[in-house]
Amino acid sequence: MIINDWIHVIAGFFILLSLFLGVFQSTYWLFFTAFVGLNLFQYGFTKFCPLGIILKKFGVRETR
């Protein structure tokens, strides 16, 4: 998997986790859902993602 794939997988996991926590723990977890969504939105325009930088430092490939 390349960096772009990992970004989508991890973001999807965080969204599902924060929705689950928002329903069963505290609605304040929904702010985390919004944060992840906003990061994905700006990534679509700017191609800048802090998670991408972290994954690159861990040696994840950028292209197939």
N, C-alpha and C. Protein backbone atom coordinates (compact mmCIF):
# COMPACT_ATOMS: atom_id res chain seq x y z
N MET A 1 0.84 -1.18 0.00
CA MET A 1 0.00 0.00 0.00
C MET A 1 0.88 1.25 0.00
N ILE A 2 0.38 2.29 -0.65
CA ILE A 2 1.13 3.54 -0.72
C ILE A 2 0.55 4.54 0.29
N ILE A 3 1.21 5.68 0.43
CA ILE A 3 0.82 6.67 1.43
C ILE A 3 -0.64 7.08 1.28
N ASN A 4 -1.09 7.32 0.06
CA ASN A 4 -2.46 7.74 -0.17
C ASN A 4 -3.47 6.70 0.33
N ASP A 5 -3.16 5.42 0.11
CA ASP A 5 -4.04 4.35 0.60
C ASP A 5 -4.09 4.34 2.12
N TRP A 6 -2.93 4.48 2.75
CA TRP A 6 -2.88 4.48 4.21
C TRP A 6 -3.63 5.66 4.81
N ILE A 7 -3.53 6.83 4.16
CA ILE A 7 -4.25 7.99 4.66
C ILE A 7 -5.74 7.72 4.69
N HIS A 8 -6.27 7.13 3.62
CA HIS A 8 -7.70 6.83 3.56
C HIS A 8 -8.10 5.77 4.59
N VAL A 9 -7.29 4.76 4.76
CA VAL A 9 -7.60 3.69 5.72
C VAL A 9 -7.61 4.24 7.15
N ILE A 10 -6.58 4.98 7.50
CA ILE A 10 -6.47 5.50 8.87
C ILE A 10 -7.55 6.54 9.14
N ALA A 11 -7.81 7.42 8.16
CA ALA A 11 -8.87 8.43 8.34
C ALA A 11 -10.23 7.76 8.49
N GLY A 12 -10.51 6.74 7.69
CA GLY A 12 -11.77 6.02 7.81
C GLY A 12 -11.92 5.36 9.17
N PHE A 13 -10.82 4.77 9.65
CA PHE A 13 -10.86 4.15 10.98
C PHE A 13 -11.13 5.19 12.06
N PHE A 14 -10.44 6.34 11.99
CA PHE A 14 -10.65 7.39 12.99
C PHE A 14 -12.08 7.92 12.96
N ILE A 15 -12.64 8.06 11.77
CA ILE A 15 -14.02 8.54 11.67
C ILE A 15 -14.98 7.54 12.29
N LEU A 16 -14.83 6.28 11.97
CA LEU A 16 -15.72 5.27 12.56
C LEU A 16 -15.54 5.17 14.07
N LEU A 17 -14.30 5.22 14.54
CA LEU A 17 -14.04 5.16 15.97
C LEU A 17 -14.65 6.35 16.70
N SER A 18 -14.46 7.55 16.14
CA SER A 18 -14.98 8.73 16.83
C SER A 18 -16.50 8.79 16.77
N LEU A 19 -17.11 8.29 15.70
CA LEU A 19 -18.57 8.20 15.66
C LEU A 19 -19.09 7.24 16.73
N PHE A 20 -18.41 6.09 16.86
CA PHE A 20 -18.79 5.12 17.89
C PHE A 20 -18.67 5.75 19.28
N LEU A 21 -17.54 6.42 19.54
CA LEU A 21 -17.34 7.05 20.85
C LEU A 21 -18.33 8.20 21.05
N GLY A 22 -18.68 8.91 19.98
CA GLY A 22 -19.64 10.00 20.08
C GLY A 22 -21.02 9.52 20.45
N VAL A 23 -21.38 8.33 19.99
CA VAL A 23 -22.71 7.79 20.31
C VAL A 23 -22.73 7.19 21.71
N PHE A 24 -21.68 6.48 22.10
CA PHE A 24 -21.72 5.72 23.34
C PHE A 24 -20.99 6.37 24.51
N GLN A 25 -20.16 7.37 24.27
CA GLN A 25 -19.42 8.00 25.37
C GLN A 25 -19.82 9.46 25.57
N SER A 26 -19.40 10.30 24.64
CA SER A 26 -19.66 11.73 24.75
C SER A 26 -19.78 12.32 23.36
N THR A 27 -20.71 13.23 23.19
CA THR A 27 -20.88 13.84 21.87
C THR A 27 -19.70 14.73 21.50
N TYR A 28 -18.85 15.05 22.45
CA TYR A 28 -17.66 15.84 22.14
C TYR A 28 -16.70 15.11 21.20
N TRP A 29 -16.79 13.78 21.12
CA TRP A 29 -15.97 13.02 20.18
C TRP A 29 -16.30 13.37 18.74
N LEU A 30 -17.48 13.93 18.50
CA LEU A 30 -17.85 14.30 17.14
C LEU A 30 -17.00 15.46 16.62
N PHE A 31 -16.40 16.23 17.50
CA PHE A 31 -15.46 17.25 17.06
C PHE A 31 -14.24 16.62 16.41
N PHE A 32 -13.82 15.47 16.92
CA PHE A 32 -12.70 14.74 16.30
C PHE A 32 -13.10 14.25 14.91
N THR A 33 -14.34 13.81 14.75
CA THR A 33 -14.84 13.41 13.44
C THR A 33 -14.76 14.59 12.47
N ALA A 34 -15.18 15.75 12.92
CA ALA A 34 -15.13 16.94 12.08
C ALA A 34 -13.69 17.31 11.74
N PHE A 35 -12.78 17.18 12.68
CA PHE A 35 -11.37 17.48 12.45
C PHE A 35 -10.79 16.58 11.36
N VAL A 36 -11.08 15.29 11.43
CA VAL A 36 -10.58 14.35 10.42
C VAL A 36 -11.20 14.68 9.06
N GLY A 37 -12.49 14.97 9.05
CA GLY A 37 -13.16 15.33 7.80
C GLY A 37 -12.59 16.59 7.18
N LEU A 38 -12.32 17.59 7.99
CA LEU A 38 -11.73 18.83 7.47
C LEU A 38 -10.33 18.60 6.93
N ASN A 39 -9.56 17.74 7.61
CA ASN A 39 -8.23 17.42 7.10
C ASN A 39 -8.31 16.72 5.75
N LEU A 40 -9.26 15.80 5.59
CA LEU A 40 -9.43 15.14 4.30
C LEU A 40 -9.85 16.14 3.23
N PHE A 41 -10.72 17.07 3.59
CA PHE A 41 -11.19 18.07 2.65
C PHE A 41 -10.04 18.95 2.16
N GLN A 42 -9.23 19.46 3.08
CA GLN A 42 -8.12 20.31 2.66
C GLN A 42 -7.04 19.51 1.95
N TYR A 43 -6.88 18.23 2.27
CA TYR A 43 -5.92 17.37 1.58
C TYR A 43 -6.30 17.22 0.10
N GLY A 44 -7.59 17.20 -0.18
CA GLY A 44 -8.04 17.10 -1.55
C GLY A 44 -7.62 18.28 -2.40
N PHE A 45 -7.52 19.45 -1.81
CA PHE A 45 -7.13 20.64 -2.55
C PHE A 45 -5.63 20.91 -2.52
N THR A 46 -5.00 20.71 -1.36
CA THR A 46 -3.61 21.12 -1.20
C THR A 46 -2.62 19.97 -1.30
N LYS A 47 -3.07 18.74 -1.18
CA LYS A 47 -2.21 17.55 -1.14
C LYS A 47 -1.22 17.60 0.02
N PHE A 48 -1.56 18.36 1.07
CA PHE A 48 -0.75 18.40 2.28
C PHE A 48 -1.50 17.68 3.39
N CYS A 49 -0.83 16.72 4.00
CA CYS A 49 -1.43 15.97 5.09
C CYS A 49 -0.35 15.65 6.12
N PRO A 50 -0.53 16.06 7.37
CA PRO A 50 0.47 15.74 8.39
C PRO A 50 0.70 14.22 8.53
N LEU A 51 -0.35 13.43 8.39
CA LEU A 51 -0.18 11.98 8.46
C LEU A 51 0.71 11.48 7.33
N GLY A 52 0.60 12.10 6.14
CA GLY A 52 1.46 11.72 5.02
C GLY A 52 2.93 11.93 5.33
N ILE A 53 3.24 13.01 6.02
CA ILE A 53 4.63 13.29 6.41
C ILE A 53 5.13 12.22 7.38
N ILE A 54 4.27 11.87 8.34
CA ILE A 54 4.64 10.84 9.32
C ILE A 54 4.85 9.50 8.64
N LEU A 55 3.95 9.13 7.74
CA LEU A 55 4.08 7.85 7.03
C LEU A 55 5.34 7.82 6.17
N LYS A 56 5.68 8.95 5.55
CA LYS A 56 6.89 9.01 4.73
C LYS A 56 8.13 8.77 5.59
N LYS A 57 8.13 9.33 6.81
CA LYS A 57 9.27 9.13 7.71
C LYS A 57 9.38 7.68 8.17
N PHE A 58 8.24 6.96 8.18
CA PHE A 58 8.26 5.54 8.54
C PHE A 58 8.62 4.66 7.35
N GLY A 59 8.83 5.27 6.19
CA GLY A 59 9.29 4.52 5.04
C GLY A 59 8.20 3.97 4.13
N VAL A 60 6.98 4.46 4.24
CA VAL A 60 5.90 4.01 3.37
C VAL A 60 6.13 4.60 1.98
N ARG A 61 5.93 3.77 0.95
CA ARG A 61 6.17 4.21 -0.42
C ARG A 61 5.15 5.25 -0.86
N GLU A 62 5.57 6.15 -1.77
CA GLU A 62 4.70 7.18 -2.30
C GLU A 62 4.01 6.74 -3.59
N THR A 63 4.65 5.87 -4.35
CA THR A 63 4.07 5.39 -5.61
C THR A 63 4.10 3.87 -5.64
N ARG A 64 3.32 3.33 -6.55
CA ARG A 64 3.25 1.87 -6.67
C ARG A 64 4.45 1.32 -7.38
